[in-house]
mmCIF file of all heavy atoms, coordinates in Angstrom:
data_MODEL
# 
_entry.id   MODEL 
# 
loop_
_atom_site.group_PDB 
_atom_site.id 
_atom_site.type_symbol 
_atom_site.label_atom_id 
_atom_site.label_alt_id 
_atom_site.label_comp_id 
_atom_site.label_asym_id 
_atom_site.label_entity_id 
_atom_site.label_seq_id 
_atom_site.pdbx_PDB_ins_code 
_atom_site.Cartn_x 
_atom_site.Cartn_y 
_atom_site.Cartn_z 
_atom_site.occupancy 
_atom_site.B_iso_or_equiv 
_atom_site.pdbx_formal_charge 
_atom_site.auth_seq_id 
_atom_site.auth_comp_id 
_atom_site.auth_asym_id 
_atom_site.auth_atom_id 
_atom_site.pdbx_PDB_model_num 
ATOM 1   N N   . SER A 1 1  ? -55.810 109.084 -107.361 1.00 0.00 ? 1  SER A N   1 
ATOM 2   C CA  . SER A 1 1  ? -56.646 107.937 -107.019 1.00 0.00 ? 1  SER A CA  1 
ATOM 3   C C   . SER A 1 1  ? -58.117 108.337 -107.095 1.00 0.00 ? 1  SER A C   1 
ATOM 4   O O   . SER A 1 1  ? -58.537 109.333 -106.494 1.00 0.00 ? 1  SER A O   1 
ATOM 5   C CB  . SER A 1 1  ? -56.315 107.434 -105.612 1.00 0.00 ? 1  SER A CB  1 
ATOM 6   O OG  . SER A 1 1  ? -54.965 107.035 -105.525 1.00 0.00 ? 1  SER A OG  1 
ATOM 7   N N   . PHE A 1 2  ? -58.888 107.546 -107.843 1.00 0.00 ? 2  PHE A N   1 
ATOM 8   C CA  . PHE A 1 2  ? -60.316 107.802 -108.010 1.00 0.00 ? 2  PHE A CA  1 
ATOM 9   C C   . PHE A 1 2  ? -61.111 106.646 -107.402 1.00 0.00 ? 2  PHE A C   1 
ATOM 10  O O   . PHE A 1 2  ? -60.693 105.488 -107.477 1.00 0.00 ? 2  PHE A O   1 
ATOM 11  C CB  . PHE A 1 2  ? -60.700 107.910 -109.498 1.00 0.00 ? 2  PHE A CB  1 
ATOM 12  C CG  . PHE A 1 2  ? -59.849 108.863 -110.276 1.00 0.00 ? 2  PHE A CG  1 
ATOM 13  C CD1 . PHE A 1 2  ? -58.636 108.464 -110.823 1.00 0.00 ? 2  PHE A CD1 1 
ATOM 14  C CD2 . PHE A 1 2  ? -60.251 110.164 -110.462 1.00 0.00 ? 2  PHE A CD2 1 
ATOM 15  C CE1 . PHE A 1 2  ? -57.860 109.336 -111.550 1.00 0.00 ? 2  PHE A CE1 1 
ATOM 16  C CE2 . PHE A 1 2  ? -59.472 111.052 -111.190 1.00 0.00 ? 2  PHE A CE2 1 
ATOM 17  C CZ  . PHE A 1 2  ? -58.281 110.643 -111.731 1.00 0.00 ? 2  PHE A CZ  1 
ATOM 18  N N   . SER A 1 3  ? -62.265 106.960 -106.857 1.00 0.00 ? 3  SER A N   1 
ATOM 19  C CA  . SER A 1 3  ? -63.138 105.922 -106.317 1.00 0.00 ? 3  SER A CA  1 
ATOM 20  C C   . SER A 1 3  ? -64.565 106.443 -106.322 1.00 0.00 ? 3  SER A C   1 
ATOM 21  O O   . SER A 1 3  ? -64.834 107.555 -105.853 1.00 0.00 ? 3  SER A O   1 
ATOM 22  C CB  . SER A 1 3  ? -62.723 105.542 -104.891 1.00 0.00 ? 3  SER A CB  1 
ATOM 23  O OG  . SER A 1 3  ? -63.544 104.508 -104.396 1.00 0.00 ? 3  SER A OG  1 
ATOM 24  N N   . LYS A 1 4  ? -65.488 105.655 -106.868 1.00 0.00 ? 4  LYS A N   1 
ATOM 25  C CA  . LYS A 1 4  ? -66.873 106.101 -106.944 1.00 0.00 ? 4  LYS A CA  1 
ATOM 26  C C   . LYS A 1 4  ? -67.813 104.886 -106.912 1.00 0.00 ? 4  LYS A C   1 
ATOM 27  O O   . LYS A 1 4  ? -67.557 103.868 -107.545 1.00 0.00 ? 4  LYS A O   1 
ATOM 28  C CB  . LYS A 1 4  ? -67.107 106.896 -108.231 1.00 0.00 ? 4  LYS A CB  1 
ATOM 29  C CG  . LYS A 1 4  ? -68.511 107.433 -108.410 1.00 0.00 ? 4  LYS A CG  1 
ATOM 30  C CD  . LYS A 1 4  ? -68.840 108.479 -107.358 1.00 0.00 ? 4  LYS A CD  1 
ATOM 31  C CE  . LYS A 1 4  ? -68.030 109.732 -107.557 1.00 0.00 ? 4  LYS A CE  1 
ATOM 32  N NZ  . LYS A 1 4  ? -68.404 110.819 -106.641 1.00 0.00 ? 4  LYS A NZ  1 
ATOM 33  N N   . LEU A 1 5  ? -68.892 105.033 -106.151 1.00 0.00 ? 5  LEU A N   1 
ATOM 34  C CA  . LEU A 1 5  ? -69.916 103.991 -106.071 1.00 0.00 ? 5  LEU A CA  1 
ATOM 35  C C   . LEU A 1 5  ? -71.042 104.336 -107.038 1.00 0.00 ? 5  LEU A C   1 
ATOM 36  O O   . LEU A 1 5  ? -71.613 105.428 -106.965 1.00 0.00 ? 5  LEU A O   1 
ATOM 37  C CB  . LEU A 1 5  ? -70.458 103.883 -104.645 1.00 0.00 ? 5  LEU A CB  1 
ATOM 38  C CG  . LEU A 1 5  ? -71.501 102.788 -104.398 1.00 0.00 ? 5  LEU A CG  1 
ATOM 39  C CD1 . LEU A 1 5  ? -70.896 101.403 -104.626 1.00 0.00 ? 5  LEU A CD1 1 
ATOM 40  C CD2 . LEU A 1 5  ? -72.066 102.901 -102.985 1.00 0.00 ? 5  LEU A CD2 1 
ATOM 41  N N   . CYS A 1 6  ? -71.355 103.409 -107.935 1.00 0.00 ? 6  CYS A N   1 
ATOM 42  C CA  . CYS A 1 6  ? -72.382 103.628 -108.959 1.00 0.00 ? 6  CYS A CA  1 
ATOM 43  C C   . CYS A 1 6  ? -73.466 102.560 -108.866 1.00 0.00 ? 6  CYS A C   1 
ATOM 44  O O   . CYS A 1 6  ? -73.266 101.491 -108.287 1.00 0.00 ? 6  CYS A O   1 
ATOM 45  C CB  . CYS A 1 6  ? -71.754 103.621 -110.348 1.00 0.00 ? 6  CYS A CB  1 
ATOM 46  S SG  . CYS A 1 6  ? -70.428 104.843 -110.565 1.00 0.00 ? 6  CYS A SG  1 
ATOM 47  N N   . ILE A 1 7  ? -74.614 102.851 -109.478 1.00 0.00 ? 7  ILE A N   1 
ATOM 48  C CA  . ILE A 1 7  ? -75.747 101.936 -109.408 1.00 0.00 ? 7  ILE A CA  1 
ATOM 49  C C   . ILE A 1 7  ? -75.510 100.677 -110.234 1.00 0.00 ? 7  ILE A C   1 
ATOM 50  O O   . ILE A 1 7  ? -75.834 99.561  -109.816 1.00 0.00 ? 7  ILE A O   1 
ATOM 51  C CB  . ILE A 1 7  ? -77.040 102.631 -109.886 1.00 0.00 ? 7  ILE A CB  1 
ATOM 52  C CG1 . ILE A 1 7  ? -77.365 103.823 -108.978 1.00 0.00 ? 7  ILE A CG1 1 
ATOM 53  C CG2 . ILE A 1 7  ? -78.211 101.647 -109.900 1.00 0.00 ? 7  ILE A CG2 1 
ATOM 54  C CD1 . ILE A 1 7  ? -77.572 103.432 -107.526 1.00 0.00 ? 7  ILE A CD1 1 
ATOM 55  N N   . SER A 1 8  ? -74.929 100.840 -111.417 1.00 0.00 ? 8  SER A N   1 
ATOM 56  C CA  . SER A 1 8  ? -74.734 99.696  -112.311 1.00 0.00 ? 8  SER A CA  1 
ATOM 57  C C   . SER A 1 8  ? -73.284 99.561  -112.719 1.00 0.00 ? 8  SER A C   1 
ATOM 58  O O   . SER A 1 8  ? -72.485 100.497 -112.575 1.00 0.00 ? 8  SER A O   1 
ATOM 59  C CB  . SER A 1 8  ? -75.605 99.855  -113.560 1.00 0.00 ? 8  SER A CB  1 
ATOM 60  O OG  . SER A 1 8  ? -75.142 100.954 -114.344 1.00 0.00 ? 8  SER A OG  1 
ATOM 61  N N   . TYR A 1 9  ? -72.952 98.392  -113.254 1.00 0.00 ? 9  TYR A N   1 
ATOM 62  C CA  . TYR A 1 9  ? -71.591 98.143  -113.733 1.00 0.00 ? 9  TYR A CA  1 
ATOM 63  C C   . TYR A 1 9  ? -71.263 99.073  -114.891 1.00 0.00 ? 9  TYR A C   1 
ATOM 64  O O   . TYR A 1 9  ? -70.171 99.643  -114.960 1.00 0.00 ? 9  TYR A O   1 
ATOM 65  C CB  . TYR A 1 9  ? -71.465 96.683  -114.168 1.00 0.00 ? 9  TYR A CB  1 
ATOM 66  C CG  . TYR A 1 9  ? -70.081 96.308  -114.638 1.00 0.00 ? 9  TYR A CG  1 
ATOM 67  C CD1 . TYR A 1 9  ? -69.152 95.776  -113.747 1.00 0.00 ? 9  TYR A CD1 1 
ATOM 68  C CD2 . TYR A 1 9  ? -69.699 96.486  -115.973 1.00 0.00 ? 9  TYR A CD2 1 
ATOM 69  C CE1 . TYR A 1 9  ? -67.870 95.431  -114.166 1.00 0.00 ? 9  TYR A CE1 1 
ATOM 70  C CE2 . TYR A 1 9  ? -68.419 96.157  -116.398 1.00 0.00 ? 9  TYR A CE2 1 
ATOM 71  C CZ  . TYR A 1 9  ? -67.518 95.625  -115.494 1.00 0.00 ? 9  TYR A CZ  1 
ATOM 72  O OH  . TYR A 1 9  ? -66.257 95.300  -115.903 1.00 0.00 ? 9  TYR A OH  1 
ATOM 73  N N   . ASP A 1 10 ? -72.230 99.233  -115.808 1.00 0.00 ? 10 ASP A N   1 
ATOM 74  C CA  . ASP A 1 10 ? -72.007 100.091 -116.965 1.00 0.00 ? 10 ASP A CA  1 
ATOM 75  C C   . ASP A 1 10 ? -71.754 101.537 -116.545 1.00 0.00 ? 10 ASP A C   1 
ATOM 76  O O   . ASP A 1 10 ? -70.926 102.232 -117.133 1.00 0.00 ? 10 ASP A O   1 
ATOM 77  C CB  . ASP A 1 10 ? -73.215 100.029 -117.904 1.00 0.00 ? 10 ASP A CB  1 
ATOM 78  C CG  . ASP A 1 10 ? -73.313 98.692  -118.634 1.00 0.00 ? 10 ASP A CG  1 
ATOM 79  O OD1 . ASP A 1 10 ? -72.294 97.985  -118.684 1.00 0.00 ? 10 ASP A OD1 1 
ATOM 80  O OD2 . ASP A 1 10 ? -74.397 98.374  -119.150 1.00 0.00 ? 10 ASP A OD2 1 
ATOM 81  N N   . GLU A 1 11 ? -72.484 101.986 -115.505 1.00 0.00 ? 11 GLU A N   1 
ATOM 82  C CA  . GLU A 1 11 ? -72.286 103.353 -115.021 1.00 0.00 ? 11 GLU A CA  1 
ATOM 83  C C   . GLU A 1 11 ? -70.893 103.510 -114.412 1.00 0.00 ? 11 GLU A C   1 
ATOM 84  O O   . GLU A 1 11 ? -70.228 104.544 -114.613 1.00 0.00 ? 11 GLU A O   1 
ATOM 85  C CB  . GLU A 1 11 ? -73.340 103.707 -113.980 1.00 0.00 ? 11 GLU A CB  1 
ATOM 86  C CG  . GLU A 1 11 ? -73.216 105.130 -113.450 1.00 0.00 ? 11 GLU A CG  1 
ATOM 87  C CD  . GLU A 1 11 ? -74.194 105.433 -112.331 1.00 0.00 ? 11 GLU A CD  1 
ATOM 88  O OE1 . GLU A 1 11 ? -75.094 104.604 -112.093 1.00 0.00 ? 11 GLU A OE1 1 
ATOM 89  O OE2 . GLU A 1 11 ? -74.042 106.490 -111.682 1.00 0.00 ? 11 GLU A OE2 1 
ATOM 90  N N   . ALA A 1 12 ? -70.448 102.497 -113.662 1.00 0.00 ? 12 ALA A N   1 
ATOM 91  C CA  . ALA A 1 12 ? -69.115 102.546 -113.055 1.00 0.00 ? 12 ALA A CA  1 
ATOM 92  C C   . ALA A 1 12 ? -68.039 102.594 -114.130 1.00 0.00 ? 12 ALA A C   1 
ATOM 93  O O   . ALA A 1 12 ? -67.070 103.364 -114.028 1.00 0.00 ? 12 ALA A O   1 
ATOM 94  C CB  . ALA A 1 12 ? -68.908 101.333 -112.145 1.00 0.00 ? 12 ALA A CB  1 
ATOM 95  N N   . LEU A 1 13 ? -68.206 101.790 -115.167 1.00 0.00 ? 13 LEU A N   1 
ATOM 96  C CA  . LEU A 1 13 ? -67.239 101.771 -116.261 1.00 0.00 ? 13 LEU A CA  1 
ATOM 97  C C   . LEU A 1 13 ? -67.246 103.105 -117.001 1.00 0.00 ? 13 LEU A C   1 
ATOM 98  O O   . LEU A 1 13 ? -66.179 103.658 -117.331 1.00 0.00 ? 13 LEU A O   1 
ATOM 99  C CB  . LEU A 1 13 ? -67.571 100.631 -117.225 1.00 0.00 ? 13 LEU A CB  1 
ATOM 100 C CG  . LEU A 1 13 ? -66.592 100.406 -118.384 1.00 0.00 ? 13 LEU A CG  1 
ATOM 101 C CD1 . LEU A 1 13 ? -65.196 100.100 -117.850 1.00 0.00 ? 13 LEU A CD1 1 
ATOM 102 C CD2 . LEU A 1 13 ? -67.080 99.269  -119.279 1.00 0.00 ? 13 LEU A CD2 1 
ATOM 103 N N   . ALA A 1 14 ? -68.443 103.652 -117.239 1.00 0.00 ? 14 ALA A N   1 
ATOM 104 C CA  . ALA A 1 14 ? -68.547 104.929 -117.942 1.00 0.00 ? 14 ALA A CA  1 
ATOM 105 C C   . ALA A 1 14 ? -67.925 106.051 -117.118 1.00 0.00 ? 14 ALA A C   1 
ATOM 106 O O   . ALA A 1 14 ? -67.261 106.946 -117.668 1.00 0.00 ? 14 ALA A O   1 
ATOM 107 C CB  . ALA A 1 14 ? -70.011 105.243 -118.236 1.00 0.00 ? 14 ALA A CB  1 
ATOM 108 N N   . ARG A 1 15 ? -68.115 106.013 -115.796 1.00 0.00 ? 15 ARG A N   1 
ATOM 109 C CA  . ARG A 1 15 ? -67.548 107.059 -114.930 1.00 0.00 ? 15 ARG A CA  1 
ATOM 110 C C   . ARG A 1 15 ? -66.023 107.006 -114.931 1.00 0.00 ? 15 ARG A C   1 
ATOM 111 O O   . ARG A 1 15 ? -65.346 108.037 -114.929 1.00 0.00 ? 15 ARG A O   1 
ATOM 112 C CB  . ARG A 1 15 ? -68.067 106.889 -113.508 1.00 0.00 ? 15 ARG A CB  1 
ATOM 113 C CG  . ARG A 1 15 ? -67.585 107.964 -112.541 1.00 0.00 ? 15 ARG A CG  1 
ATOM 114 C CD  . ARG A 1 15 ? -67.960 109.365 -113.017 1.00 0.00 ? 15 ARG A CD  1 
ATOM 115 N NE  . ARG A 1 15 ? -67.356 110.389 -112.194 1.00 0.00 ? 15 ARG A NE  1 
ATOM 116 C CZ  . ARG A 1 15 ? -67.942 110.956 -111.146 1.00 0.00 ? 15 ARG A CZ  1 
ATOM 117 N NH1 . ARG A 1 15 ? -69.166 110.584 -110.796 1.00 0.00 ? 15 ARG A NH1 1 
ATOM 118 N NH2 . ARG A 1 15 ? -67.338 111.883 -110.449 1.00 0.00 ? 15 ARG A NH2 1 
ATOM 119 N N   . SER A 1 16 ? -65.471 105.783 -114.965 1.00 0.00 ? 16 SER A N   1 
ATOM 120 C CA  . SER A 1 16 ? -64.015 105.646 -114.998 1.00 0.00 ? 16 SER A CA  1 
ATOM 121 C C   . SER A 1 16 ? -63.448 106.214 -116.294 1.00 0.00 ? 16 SER A C   1 
ATOM 122 O O   . SER A 1 16 ? -62.403 106.878 -116.300 1.00 0.00 ? 16 SER A O   1 
ATOM 123 C CB  . SER A 1 16 ? -63.612 104.177 -114.839 1.00 0.00 ? 16 SER A CB  1 
ATOM 124 O OG  . SER A 1 16 ? -63.975 103.405 -115.973 1.00 0.00 ? 16 SER A OG  1 
ATOM 125 N N   . VAL A 1 17 ? -64.143 105.968 -117.407 1.00 0.00 ? 17 VAL A N   1 
ATOM 126 C CA  . VAL A 1 17 ? -63.709 106.499 -118.697 1.00 0.00 ? 17 VAL A CA  1 
ATOM 127 C C   . VAL A 1 17 ? -63.818 108.021 -118.704 1.00 0.00 ? 17 VAL A C   1 
ATOM 128 O O   . VAL A 1 17 ? -62.942 108.727 -119.224 1.00 0.00 ? 17 VAL A O   1 
ATOM 129 C CB  . VAL A 1 17 ? -64.559 105.902 -119.839 1.00 0.00 ? 17 VAL A CB  1 
ATOM 130 C CG1 . VAL A 1 17 ? -64.232 106.583 -121.166 1.00 0.00 ? 17 VAL A CG1 1 
ATOM 131 C CG2 . VAL A 1 17 ? -64.326 104.402 -119.942 1.00 0.00 ? 17 VAL A CG2 1 
ATOM 132 N N   . GLU A 1 18 ? -64.874 108.540 -118.088 1.00 0.00 ? 18 GLU A N   1 
ATOM 133 C CA  . GLU A 1 18 ? -65.085 109.987 -118.013 1.00 0.00 ? 18 GLU A CA  1 
ATOM 134 C C   . GLU A 1 18 ? -63.970 110.666 -117.211 1.00 0.00 ? 18 GLU A C   1 
ATOM 135 O O   . GLU A 1 18 ? -63.443 111.705 -117.622 1.00 0.00 ? 18 GLU A O   1 
ATOM 136 C CB  . GLU A 1 18 ? -66.438 110.279 -117.376 1.00 0.00 ? 18 GLU A CB  1 
ATOM 137 C CG  . GLU A 1 18 ? -66.738 111.757 -117.223 1.00 0.00 ? 18 GLU A CG  1 
ATOM 138 C CD  . GLU A 1 18 ? -68.049 112.007 -116.482 1.00 0.00 ? 18 GLU A CD  1 
ATOM 139 O OE1 . GLU A 1 18 ? -68.815 111.038 -116.293 1.00 0.00 ? 18 GLU A OE1 1 
ATOM 140 O OE2 . GLU A 1 18 ? -68.297 113.157 -116.083 1.00 0.00 ? 18 GLU A OE2 1 
ATOM 141 N N   . ASP A 1 19 ? -63.633 110.077 -116.064 1.00 0.00 ? 19 ASP A N   1 
ATOM 142 C CA  . ASP A 1 19 ? -62.567 110.652 -115.236 1.00 0.00 ? 19 ASP A CA  1 
ATOM 143 C C   . ASP A 1 19 ? -61.228 110.642 -115.965 1.00 0.00 ? 19 ASP A C   1 
ATOM 144 O O   . ASP A 1 19 ? -60.456 111.598 -115.889 1.00 0.00 ? 19 ASP A O   1 
ATOM 145 C CB  . ASP A 1 19 ? -62.450 109.887 -113.909 1.00 0.00 ? 19 ASP A CB  1 
ATOM 146 C CG  . ASP A 1 19 ? -63.554 110.252 -112.931 1.00 0.00 ? 19 ASP A CG  1 
ATOM 147 O OD1 . ASP A 1 19 ? -64.177 111.310 -113.112 1.00 0.00 ? 19 ASP A OD1 1 
ATOM 148 O OD2 . ASP A 1 19 ? -63.800 109.474 -111.995 1.00 0.00 ? 19 ASP A OD2 1 
ATOM 149 N N   . LEU A 1 20 ? -60.934 109.533 -116.657 1.00 0.00 ? 20 LEU A N   1 
ATOM 150 C CA  . LEU A 1 20 ? -59.689 109.440 -117.414 1.00 0.00 ? 20 LEU A CA  1 
ATOM 151 C C   . LEU A 1 20 ? -59.655 110.489 -118.513 1.00 0.00 ? 20 LEU A C   1 
ATOM 152 O O   . LEU A 1 20 ? -58.626 111.138 -118.755 1.00 0.00 ? 20 LEU A O   1 
ATOM 153 C CB  . LEU A 1 20 ? -59.541 108.038 -118.012 1.00 0.00 ? 20 LEU A CB  1 
ATOM 154 C CG  . LEU A 1 20 ? -58.296 107.807 -118.882 1.00 0.00 ? 20 LEU A CG  1 
ATOM 155 C CD1 . LEU A 1 20 ? -57.031 108.077 -118.082 1.00 0.00 ? 20 LEU A CD1 1 
ATOM 156 C CD2 . LEU A 1 20 ? -58.299 106.379 -119.440 1.00 0.00 ? 20 LEU A CD2 1 
ATOM 157 N N   . SER A 1 21 ? -60.796 110.700 -119.177 1.00 0.00 ? 21 SER A N   1 
ATOM 158 C CA  . SER A 1 21 ? -60.877 111.688 -120.244 1.00 0.00 ? 21 SER A CA  1 
ATOM 159 C C   . SER A 1 21 ? -60.640 113.095 -119.696 1.00 0.00 ? 21 SER A C   1 
ATOM 160 O O   . SER A 1 21 ? -59.973 113.925 -120.339 1.00 0.00 ? 21 SER A O   1 
ATOM 161 C CB  . SER A 1 21 ? -62.255 111.612 -120.919 1.00 0.00 ? 21 SER A CB  1 
ATOM 162 O OG  . SER A 1 21 ? -62.381 112.596 -121.927 1.00 0.00 ? 21 SER A OG  1 
ATOM 163 N N   . LYS A 1 22 ? -61.154 113.377 -118.495 1.00 0.00 ? 22 LYS A N   1 
ATOM 164 C CA  . LYS A 1 22 ? -60.953 114.690 -117.874 1.00 0.00 ? 22 LYS A CA  1 
ATOM 165 C C   . LYS A 1 22 ? -59.472 114.935 -117.595 1.00 0.00 ? 22 LYS A C   1 
ATOM 166 O O   . LYS A 1 22 ? -58.958 116.035 -117.817 1.00 0.00 ? 22 LYS A O   1 
ATOM 167 C CB  . LYS A 1 22 ? -61.747 114.776 -116.574 1.00 0.00 ? 22 LYS A CB  1 
ATOM 168 C CG  . LYS A 1 22 ? -63.247 114.931 -116.761 1.00 0.00 ? 22 LYS A CG  1 
ATOM 169 C CD  . LYS A 1 22 ? -63.949 115.031 -115.420 1.00 0.00 ? 22 LYS A CD  1 
ATOM 170 C CE  . LYS A 1 22 ? -65.447 115.213 -115.589 1.00 0.00 ? 22 LYS A CE  1 
ATOM 171 N NZ  . LYS A 1 22 ? -66.142 115.301 -114.282 1.00 0.00 ? 22 LYS A NZ  1 
ATOM 172 N N   . ILE A 1 23 ? -58.796 113.896 -117.103 1.00 0.00 ? 23 ILE A N   1 
ATOM 173 C CA  . ILE A 1 23 ? -57.361 114.030 -116.823 1.00 0.00 ? 23 ILE A CA  1 
ATOM 174 C C   . ILE A 1 23 ? -56.595 114.284 -118.107 1.00 0.00 ? 23 ILE A C   1 
ATOM 175 O O   . ILE A 1 23 ? -55.712 115.153 -118.176 1.00 0.00 ? 23 ILE A O   1 
ATOM 176 C CB  . ILE A 1 23 ? -56.825 112.770 -116.129 1.00 0.00 ? 23 ILE A CB  1 
ATOM 177 C CG1 . ILE A 1 23 ? -57.405 112.651 -114.719 1.00 0.00 ? 23 ILE A CG1 1 
ATOM 178 C CG2 . ILE A 1 23 ? -55.305 112.781 -116.068 1.00 0.00 ? 23 ILE A CG2 1 
ATOM 179 C CD1 . ILE A 1 23 ? -56.978 113.757 -113.791 1.00 0.00 ? 23 ILE A CD1 1 
ATOM 180 N N   . GLN A 1 24 ? -56.918 113.530 -119.142 1.00 0.00 ? 24 GLN A N   1 
ATOM 181 C CA  . GLN A 1 24 ? -56.225 113.698 -120.424 1.00 0.00 ? 24 GLN A CA  1 
ATOM 182 C C   . GLN A 1 24 ? -56.446 115.097 -120.999 1.00 0.00 ? 24 GLN A C   1 
ATOM 183 O O   . GLN A 1 24 ? -55.515 115.716 -121.516 1.00 0.00 ? 24 GLN A O   1 
ATOM 184 C CB  . GLN A 1 24 ? -56.713 112.631 -121.411 1.00 0.00 ? 24 GLN A CB  1 
ATOM 185 C CG  . GLN A 1 24 ? -56.272 111.217 -121.045 1.00 0.00 ? 24 GLN A CG  1 
ATOM 186 C CD  . GLN A 1 24 ? -56.889 110.155 -121.934 1.00 0.00 ? 24 GLN A CD  1 
ATOM 187 O OE1 . GLN A 1 24 ? -57.979 110.355 -122.490 1.00 0.00 ? 24 GLN A OE1 1 
ATOM 188 N NE2 . GLN A 1 24 ? -56.215 109.026 -122.074 1.00 0.00 ? 24 GLN A NE2 1 
# 
């Protein structure tokens, strides 16, 4: 389970993609 507070929507989306990429 991942959860992160970001300044912008784009940053939140980018962080989710980054975390998924790390897992992969």
